[in-house]
Amino acid sequence: MDNQSLSHSKYNCTYHIVFIPKYRRKVMYGKLQAEVGQILGKVCKMEGVTIIKAATMTDHVHMYVSI
């Protein structure tokens, strides 16, 4: 990812975020899996966060984002 810049600085701020249900239960299948992806996409868009990579598994969600 390229560095972004302000008037006196350059930065590259990325985060690896993992969401895990309580007790890592395997609850995200089919429709719920798609809804979770859409909701997280909308929230990131509203907050100005760029999703570089994202994956929804049955028991967790991985996101690699840039702010």
PDB file of N, CA and C in Angstrom:
ATOM      1  N   MET A   1       0.850  -1.176   0.000  1.00  0.00           N
ATOM      2  CA  MET A   1       0.000   0.000   0.000  1.00  0.00           C
ATOM      3  C   MET A   1       0.892   1.234   0.000  1.00  0.00           C
ATOM      4  N   ASP A   2       0.534   2.214  -0.769  1.00  0.00           N
ATOM      5  CA  ASP A   2       1.315   3.441  -0.871  1.00  0.00           C
ATOM      6  C   ASP A   2       1.166   4.294   0.375  1.00  0.00           C
ATOM      7  N   ASN A   3       2.183   5.078   0.620  1.00  0.00           N
ATOM      8  CA  ASN A   3       2.131   6.006   1.732  1.00  0.00           C
ATOM      9  C   ASN A   3       1.192   7.150   1.390  1.00  0.00           C
ATOM     10  N   GLN A   4       0.437   7.592   2.367  1.00  0.00           N
ATOM     11  CA  GLN A   4      -0.421   8.757   2.210  1.00  0.00           C
ATOM     12  C   GLN A   4       0.303   9.920   2.849  1.00  0.00           C
ATOM     13  N   SER A   5      -0.108  11.142   2.515  1.00  0.00           N
ATOM     14  CA  SER A   5       0.643  12.270   3.062  1.00  0.00           C
ATOM     15  C   SER A   5      -0.266  13.394   3.518  1.00  0.00           C
ATOM     16  N   LEU A   6       0.248  14.113   4.495  1.00  0.00           N
ATOM     17  CA  LEU A   6      -0.321  15.364   4.965  1.00  0.00           C
ATOM     18  C   LEU A   6       0.682  16.447   4.592  1.00  0.00           C
ATOM     19  N   SER A   7       0.496  17.652   5.056  1.00  0.00           N
ATOM     20  CA  SER A   7       1.384  18.738   4.647  1.00  0.00           C
ATOM     21  C   SER A   7       2.840  18.533   5.073  1.00  0.00           C
ATOM     22  N   HIS A   8       3.092  17.924   6.246  1.00  0.00           N
ATOM     23  CA  HIS A   8       4.457  17.764   6.731  1.00  0.00           C
ATOM     24  C   HIS A   8       4.823  16.330   7.080  1.00  0.00           C
ATOM     25  N   SER A   9       4.001  15.373   6.654  1.00  0.00           N
ATOM     26  CA  SER A   9       4.317  13.992   7.028  1.00  0.00           C
ATOM     27  C   SER A   9       3.744  12.997   6.018  1.00  0.00           C
ATOM     28  N   LYS A  10       4.319  11.815   6.033  1.00  0.00           N
ATOM     29  CA  LYS A  10       3.810  10.709   5.231  1.00  0.00           C
ATOM     30  C   LYS A  10       3.506   9.566   6.183  1.00  0.00           C
ATOM     31  N   TYR A  11       2.453   8.807   5.876  1.00  0.00           N
ATOM     32  CA  TYR A  11       2.083   7.719   6.764  1.00  0.00           C
ATOM     33  C   TYR A  11       1.471   6.568   5.981  1.00  0.00           C
ATOM     34  N   ASN A  12       1.521   5.408   6.593  1.00  0.00           N
ATOM     35  CA  ASN A  12       0.902   4.199   6.065  1.00  0.00           C
ATOM     36  C   ASN A  12       0.333   3.474   7.273  1.00  0.00           C
ATOM     37  N   CYS A  13      -0.958   3.662   7.531  1.00  0.00           N
ATOM     38  CA  CYS A  13      -1.579   3.144   8.742  1.00  0.00           C
ATOM     39  C   CYS A  13      -2.554   2.021   8.371  1.00  0.00           C
ATOM     40  N   THR A  14      -2.145   0.771   8.635  1.00  0.00           N
ATOM     41  CA  THR A  14      -2.991  -0.375   8.342  1.00  0.00           C
ATOM     42  C   THR A  14      -3.165  -1.219   9.605  1.00  0.00           C
ATOM     43  N   TYR A  15      -4.307  -1.901   9.686  1.00  0.00           N
ATOM     44  CA  TYR A  15      -4.622  -2.729  10.843  1.00  0.00           C
ATOM     45  C   TYR A  15      -5.159  -4.076  10.389  1.00  0.00           C
ATOM     46  N   HIS A  16      -4.832  -5.116  11.130  1.00  0.00           N
ATOM     47  CA  HIS A  16      -5.424  -6.438  10.945  1.00  0.00           C
ATOM     48  C   HIS A  16      -6.403  -6.622  12.094  1.00  0.00           C
ATOM     49  N   ILE A  17      -7.694  -6.731  11.752  1.00  0.00           N
ATOM     50  CA  ILE A  17      -8.752  -6.823  12.762  1.00  0.00           C
ATOM     51  C   ILE A  17      -9.404  -8.192  12.649  1.00  0.00           C
ATOM     52  N   VAL A  18      -9.649  -8.831  13.779  1.00  0.00           N
ATOM     53  CA  VAL A  18     -10.330 -10.124  13.798  1.00  0.00           C
ATOM     54  C   VAL A  18     -11.507 -10.027  14.769  1.00  0.00           C
ATOM     55  N   PHE A  19     -12.724 -10.296  14.264  1.00  0.00           N
ATOM     56  CA  PHE A  19     -13.917 -10.359  15.093  1.00  0.00           C
ATOM     57  C   PHE A  19     -14.209 -11.830  15.368  1.00  0.00           C
ATOM     58  N   ILE A  20     -14.409 -12.179  16.654  1.00  0.00           N
ATOM     59  CA  ILE A  20     -14.651 -13.570  17.036  1.00  0.00           C
ATOM     60  C   ILE A  20     -15.881 -13.627  17.935  1.00  0.00           C
ATOM     61  N   PRO A  21     -16.887 -14.478  17.593  1.00  0.00           N
ATOM     62  CA  PRO A  21     -18.044 -14.637  18.483  1.00  0.00           C
ATOM     63  C   PRO A  21     -17.622 -15.251  19.822  1.00  0.00           C
ATOM     64  N   LYS A  22     -18.429 -15.040  20.837  1.00  0.00           N
ATOM     65  CA  LYS A  22     -18.137 -15.578  22.160  1.00  0.00           C
ATOM     66  C   LYS A  22     -17.952 -17.091  22.090  1.00  0.00           C
ATOM     67  N   TYR A  23     -16.938 -17.589  22.721  1.00  0.00           N
ATOM     68  CA  TYR A  23     -16.561 -18.994  22.750  1.00  0.00           C
ATOM     69  C   TYR A  23     -16.234 -19.548  21.363  1.00  0.00           C
ATOM     70  N   ARG A  24     -16.000 -18.661  20.408  1.00  0.00           N
ATOM     71  CA  ARG A  24     -15.632 -19.029  19.032  1.00  0.00           C
ATOM     72  C   ARG A  24     -16.614 -20.041  18.434  1.00  0.00           C
ATOM     73  N   ARG A  25     -17.892 -19.796  18.684  1.00  0.00           N
ATOM     74  CA  ARG A  25     -18.936 -20.677  18.140  1.00  0.00           C
ATOM     75  C   ARG A  25     -19.012 -20.520  16.630  1.00  0.00           C
ATOM     76  N   LYS A  26     -19.256 -21.607  15.949  1.00  0.00           N
ATOM     77  CA  LYS A  26     -19.367 -21.607  14.485  1.00  0.00           C
ATOM     78  C   LYS A  26     -20.805 -21.258  14.108  1.00  0.00           C
ATOM     79  N   VAL A  27     -21.110 -19.949  14.057  1.00  0.00           N
ATOM     80  CA  VAL A  27     -22.477 -19.496  13.837  1.00  0.00           C
ATOM     81  C   VAL A  27     -22.675 -18.740  12.530  1.00  0.00           C
ATOM     82  N   MET A  28     -21.623 -18.357  11.834  1.00  0.00           N
ATOM     83  CA  MET A  28     -21.765 -17.529  10.635  1.00  0.00           C
ATOM     84  C   MET A  28     -21.793 -18.396   9.379  1.00  0.00           C
ATOM     85  N   TYR A  29     -23.002 -18.711   8.940  1.00  0.00           N
ATOM     86  CA  TYR A  29     -23.204 -19.498   7.728  1.00  0.00           C
ATOM     87  C   TYR A  29     -24.114 -18.733   6.777  1.00  0.00           C
ATOM     88  N   GLY A  30     -23.989 -18.967   5.490  1.00  0.00           N
ATOM     89  CA  GLY A  30     -24.910 -18.494   4.457  1.00  0.00           C
ATOM     90  C   GLY A  30     -25.330 -17.045   4.575  1.00  0.00           C
ATOM     91  N   LYS A  31     -26.621 -16.840   4.902  1.00  0.00           N
ATOM     92  CA  LYS A  31     -27.203 -15.501   4.927  1.00  0.00           C
ATOM     93  C   LYS A  31     -26.534 -14.610   5.977  1.00  0.00           C
ATOM     94  N   LEU A  32     -26.284 -15.132   7.158  1.00  0.00           N
ATOM     95  CA  LEU A  32     -25.638 -14.345   8.218  1.00  0.00           C
ATOM     96  C   LEU A  32     -24.232 -13.934   7.802  1.00  0.00           C
ATOM     97  N   GLN A  33     -23.528 -14.831   7.138  1.00  0.00           N
ATOM     98  CA  GLN A  33     -22.167 -14.537   6.677  1.00  0.00           C
ATOM     99  C   GLN A  33     -22.188 -13.370   5.684  1.00  0.00           C
ATOM    100  N   ALA A  34     -23.145 -13.368   4.765  1.00  0.00           N
ATOM    101  CA  ALA A  34     -23.267 -12.282   3.787  1.00  0.00           C
ATOM    102  C   ALA A  34     -23.671 -10.973   4.461  1.00  0.00           C
ATOM    103  N   GLU A  35     -24.599 -11.047   5.427  1.00  0.00           N
ATOM    104  CA  GLU A  35     -25.048  -9.842   6.129  1.00  0.00           C
ATOM    105  C   GLU A  35     -23.924  -9.202   6.928  1.00  0.00           C
ATOM    106  N   VAL A  36     -23.114 -10.012   7.594  1.00  0.00           N
ATOM    107  CA  VAL A  36     -21.983  -9.486   8.375  1.00  0.00           C
ATOM    108  C   VAL A  36     -21.021  -8.744   7.437  1.00  0.00           C
ATOM    109  N   GLY A  37     -20.736  -9.326   6.283  1.00  0.00           N
ATOM    110  CA  GLY A  37     -19.854  -8.674   5.315  1.00  0.00           C
ATOM    111  C   GLY A  37     -20.412  -7.351   4.827  1.00  0.00           C
ATOM    112  N   GLN A  38     -21.723  -7.298   4.547  1.00  0.00           N
ATOM    113  CA  GLN A  38     -22.348  -6.055   4.090  1.00  0.00           C
ATOM    114  C   GLN A  38     -22.336  -4.991   5.178  1.00  0.00           C
ATOM    115  N   ILE A  39     -22.641  -5.376   6.397  1.00  0.00           N
ATOM    116  CA  ILE A  39     -22.673  -4.417   7.512  1.00  0.00           C
ATOM    117  C   ILE A  39     -21.290  -3.830   7.755  1.00  0.00           C
ATOM    118  N   LEU A  40     -20.276  -4.678   7.802  1.00  0.00           N
ATOM    119  CA  LEU A  40     -18.914  -4.177   8.033  1.00  0.00           C
ATOM    120  C   LEU A  40     -18.461  -3.296   6.879  1.00  0.00           C
ATOM    121  N   GLY A  41     -18.845  -3.629   5.659  1.00  0.00           N
ATOM    122  CA  GLY A  41     -18.519  -2.798   4.504  1.00  0.00           C
ATOM    123  C   GLY A  41     -19.156  -1.417   4.601  1.00  0.00           C
ATOM    124  N   LYS A  42     -20.434  -1.360   5.021  1.00  0.00           N
ATOM    125  CA  LYS A  42     -21.132  -0.078   5.172  1.00  0.00           C
ATOM    126  C   LYS A  42     -20.500   0.774   6.268  1.00  0.00           C
ATOM    127  N   VAL A  43     -20.169   0.149   7.402  1.00  0.00           N
ATOM    128  CA  VAL A  43     -19.563   0.884   8.513  1.00  0.00           C
ATOM    129  C   VAL A  43     -18.211   1.464   8.094  1.00  0.00           C
ATOM    130  N   CYS A  44     -17.404   0.660   7.396  1.00  0.00           N
ATOM    131  CA  CYS A  44     -16.100   1.140   6.944  1.00  0.00           C
ATOM    132  C   CYS A  44     -16.256   2.290   5.953  1.00  0.00           C
ATOM    133  N   LYS A  45     -17.231   2.201   5.080  1.00  0.00           N
ATOM    134  CA  LYS A  45     -17.463   3.269   4.098  1.00  0.00           C
ATOM    135  C   LYS A  45     -17.888   4.560   4.795  1.00  0.00           C
ATOM    136  N   MET A  46     -18.778   4.452   5.806  1.00  0.00           N
ATOM    137  CA  MET A  46     -19.237   5.632   6.543  1.00  0.00           C
ATOM    138  C   MET A  46     -18.088   6.302   7.286  1.00  0.00           C
ATOM    139  N   GLU A  47     -17.157   5.515   7.804  1.00  0.00           N
ATOM    140  CA  GLU A  47     -16.059   6.049   8.603  1.00  0.00           C
ATOM    141  C   GLU A  47     -14.832   6.410   7.770  1.00  0.00           C
ATOM    142  N   GLY A  48     -14.856   6.152   6.479  1.00  0.00           N
ATOM    143  CA  GLY A  48     -13.727   6.484   5.624  1.00  0.00           C
ATOM    144  C   GLY A  48     -12.572   5.507   5.723  1.00  0.00           C
ATOM    145  N   VAL A  49     -12.865   4.261   6.059  1.00  0.00           N
ATOM    146  CA  VAL A  49     -11.855   3.221   6.184  1.00  0.00           C
ATOM    147  C   VAL A  49     -11.840   2.406   4.899  1.00  0.00           C
ATOM    148  N   THR A  50     -10.652   2.125   4.360  1.00  0.00           N
ATOM    149  CA  THR A  50     -10.520   1.331   3.149  1.00  0.00           C
ATOM    150  C   THR A  50     -10.247  -0.118   3.517  1.00  0.00           C
ATOM    151  N   ILE A  51     -11.082  -1.019   3.019  1.00  0.00           N
ATOM    152  CA  ILE A  51     -10.877  -2.445   3.264  1.00  0.00           C
ATOM    153  C   ILE A  51      -9.933  -2.972   2.192  1.00  0.00           C
ATOM    154  N   ILE A  52      -8.765  -3.433   2.604  1.00  0.00           N
ATOM    155  CA  ILE A  52      -7.788  -3.995   1.669  1.00  0.00           C
ATOM    156  C   ILE A  52      -8.138  -5.446   1.387  1.00  0.00           C
ATOM    157  N   LYS A  53      -8.357  -6.234   2.434  1.00  0.00           N
ATOM    158  CA  LYS A  53      -8.767  -7.633   2.309  1.00  0.00           C
ATOM    159  C   LYS A  53      -9.735  -7.949   3.433  1.00  0.00           C
ATOM    160  N   ALA A  54     -10.676  -8.844   3.153  1.00  0.00           N
ATOM    161  CA  ALA A  54     -11.610  -9.286   4.184  1.00  0.00           C
ATOM    162  C   ALA A  54     -12.041 -10.711   3.885  1.00  0.00           C
ATOM    163  N   ALA A  55     -12.241 -11.484   4.937  1.00  0.00           N
ATOM    164  CA  ALA A  55     -12.702 -12.858   4.795  1.00  0.00           C
ATOM    165  C   ALA A  55     -13.593 -13.194   5.980  1.00  0.00           C
ATOM    166  N   THR A  56     -14.749 -13.798   5.693  1.00  0.00           N
ATOM    167  CA  THR A  56     -15.669 -14.219   6.738  1.00  0.00           C
ATOM    168  C   THR A  56     -15.647 -15.731   6.809  1.00  0.00           C
ATOM    169  N   MET A  57     -15.241 -16.260   7.944  1.00  0.00           N
ATOM    170  CA  MET A  57     -15.219 -17.700   8.181  1.00  0.00           C
ATOM    171  C   MET A  57     -16.427 -18.065   9.042  1.00  0.00           C
ATOM    172  N   THR A  58     -16.613 -19.341   9.320  1.00  0.00           N
ATOM    173  CA  THR A  58     -17.765 -19.751  10.129  1.00  0.00           C
ATOM    174  C   THR A  58     -17.649 -19.328  11.586  1.00  0.00           C
ATOM    175  N   ASP A  59     -16.418 -19.126  12.069  1.00  0.00           N
ATOM    176  CA  ASP A  59     -16.248 -18.772  13.477  1.00  0.00           C
ATOM    177  C   ASP A  59     -15.484 -17.478  13.714  1.00  0.00           C
ATOM    178  N   HIS A  60     -15.152 -16.725  12.665  1.00  0.00           N
ATOM    179  CA  HIS A  60     -14.487 -15.441  12.847  1.00  0.00           C
ATOM    180  C   HIS A  60     -14.462 -14.651  11.536  1.00  0.00           C
ATOM    181  N   VAL A  61     -14.123 -13.352  11.646  1.00  0.00           N
ATOM    182  CA  VAL A  61     -14.019 -12.464  10.490  1.00  0.00           C
ATOM    183  C   VAL A  61     -12.646 -11.810  10.527  1.00  0.00           C
ATOM    184  N   HIS A  62     -11.912 -11.889   9.409  1.00  0.00           N
ATOM    185  CA  HIS A  62     -10.626 -11.212   9.273  1.00  0.00           C
ATOM    186  C   HIS A  62     -10.813  -9.988   8.398  1.00  0.00           C
ATOM    187  N   MET A  63     -10.210  -8.880   8.790  1.00  0.00           N
ATOM    188  CA  MET A  63     -10.222  -7.667   7.967  1.00  0.00           C
ATOM    189  C   MET A  63      -8.843  -7.034   8.015  1.00  0.00           C
ATOM    190  N   TYR A  64      -8.346  -6.633   6.867  1.00  0.00           N
ATOM    191  CA  TYR A  64      -7.095  -5.871   6.787  1.00  0.00           C
ATOM    192  C   TYR A  64      -7.500  -4.528   6.212  1.00  0.00           C
ATOM    193  N   VAL A  65      -7.385  -3.465   7.004  1.00  0.00           N
ATOM    194  CA  VAL A  65      -7.919  -2.158   6.637  1.00  0.00           C
ATOM    195  C   VAL A  65      -6.839  -1.090   6.686  1.00  0.00           C
ATOM    196  N   SER A  66      -7.088  -0.027   5.965  1.00  0.00           N
ATOM    197  CA  SER A  66      -6.220   1.142   5.962  1.00  0.00           C
ATOM    198  C   SER A  66      -7.056   2.354   6.317  1.00  0.00           C
ATOM    199  N   ILE A  67      -6.485   3.232   7.180  1.00  0.00           N
ATOM    200  CA  ILE A  67      -7.227   4.453   7.559  1.00  0.00           C
ATOM    201  C   ILE A  67      -6.499   5.666   7.036  1.00  0.00           C
TER     202      ILE A  67
END
